[in-house]
């Protein structure tokens, strides 16, 4: 989507992003998503399900797996510890 909007190929965008940041686009987008999840869970009264939907995850299992991969604990565990 981003490459299309910039009128360049995906491969070219990936190479540019990686050259500039040292990270691939997927890694950057994952970092943004996990940062947003943490912020929403810490500063809002949104439920974990609402956070999941806000970040466009289609189901809780996928969101939970993604969250646990990046933070080492489930979203519910994280939420309960941060309260």
Protein backbone atom coordinates (compact mmCIF):
# COMPACT_ATOMS: atom_id res chain seq x y z
CA UNK A 1 0.00 0.00 0.00
CA UNK A 2 2.75 2.47 0.96
CA UNK A 3 4.80 1.68 -2.13
CA UNK A 4 1.74 2.18 -4.33
CA UNK A 5 1.05 5.55 -2.76
CA UNK A 6 4.65 6.60 -3.39
CA UNK A 7 4.56 5.22 -6.95
CA UNK A 8 7.55 2.95 -6.36
CA UNK A 9 7.97 -0.81 -6.18
CA UNK A 10 7.69 -2.70 -2.91
CA UNK A 11 11.23 -3.94 -3.32
CA UNK A 12 12.57 -0.42 -3.78
CA UNK A 13 10.66 0.90 -0.75
CA UNK A 14 11.91 -1.99 1.39
CA UNK A 15 15.51 -1.32 0.33
CA UNK A 16 15.24 2.42 1.05
CA UNK A 17 13.62 1.91 4.45
CA UNK A 18 16.16 -0.72 5.44
CA UNK A 19 19.10 1.43 4.28
CA UNK A 20 17.86 4.44 6.27
CA UNK A 21 16.62 2.75 9.45
CA UNK A 22 18.36 -0.60 9.55
CA UNK A 23 14.94 -2.23 9.90
CA UNK A 24 12.51 -3.62 7.37
CA UNK A 25 9.08 -2.05 6.92
CA UNK A 26 7.38 -4.98 8.64
CA UNK A 27 9.53 -4.55 11.75
CA UNK A 28 8.81 -0.84 11.86
CA UNK A 29 5.06 -1.37 11.53
CA UNK A 30 5.15 -4.03 14.26
CA UNK A 31 7.03 -1.66 16.58
CA UNK A 32 4.45 1.05 15.95
CA UNK A 33 1.56 -1.36 16.58
CA UNK A 34 2.99 -2.69 19.85
CA UNK A 35 3.79 0.85 21.01
CA UNK A 36 0.22 1.93 20.28
CA UNK A 37 -1.15 -1.12 22.09
CA UNK A 38 0.92 -0.36 25.19
CA UNK A 39 -0.09 3.30 25.16
CA UNK A 40 -3.78 2.47 24.73
CA UNK A 41 -3.67 -0.10 27.50
CA UNK A 42 -1.84 2.25 29.88
CA UNK A 43 -3.64 5.54 29.34
CA UNK A 44 -7.15 4.64 28.28
CA UNK A 45 -10.07 2.82 29.74
CA UNK A 46 -10.42 0.73 26.59
CA UNK A 47 -10.82 -2.99 27.11
CA UNK A 48 -8.23 -5.34 25.63
CA UNK A 49 -10.80 -6.24 22.99
CA UNK A 50 -11.28 -2.55 22.14
CA UNK A 51 -7.50 -2.08 21.86
CA UNK A 52 -7.32 -5.12 19.59
CA UNK A 53 -10.04 -3.69 17.35
CA UNK A 54 -8.49 -0.21 17.38
CA UNK A 55 -5.28 -1.74 16.00
CA UNK A 56 -7.21 -3.67 13.32
CA UNK A 57 -6.52 -7.19 14.56
CA UNK A 58 -9.21 -9.56 13.35
CA UNK A 59 -9.34 -11.79 16.43
CA UNK A 60 -8.09 -11.97 20.00
CA UNK A 61 -5.88 -15.01 19.38
CA UNK A 62 -3.85 -13.22 16.73
CA UNK A 63 -3.54 -10.08 18.86
CA UNK A 64 -2.56 -12.08 21.95
CA UNK A 65 0.10 -14.02 20.04
CA UNK A 66 1.52 -10.79 18.54
CA UNK A 67 1.50 -9.06 21.94
CA UNK A 68 3.15 -12.00 23.71
CA UNK A 69 5.81 -12.30 21.01
CA UNK A 70 6.83 -8.67 21.51
CA UNK A 71 6.34 -8.23 25.27
CA UNK A 72 6.63 -11.74 26.65
CA UNK A 73 3.19 -11.80 28.23
CA UNK A 74 -0.44 -11.85 27.20
CA UNK A 75 -2.39 -8.59 26.87
CA UNK A 76 -4.55 -9.56 29.86
CA UNK A 77 -1.52 -10.24 32.05
CA UNK A 78 0.01 -6.94 30.96
CA UNK A 79 -3.22 -5.08 31.68
CA UNK A 80 -3.61 -6.66 35.11
CA UNK A 81 -0.01 -5.81 36.07
CA UNK A 82 -0.30 -2.22 34.91
CA UNK A 83 -3.42 -1.51 36.98
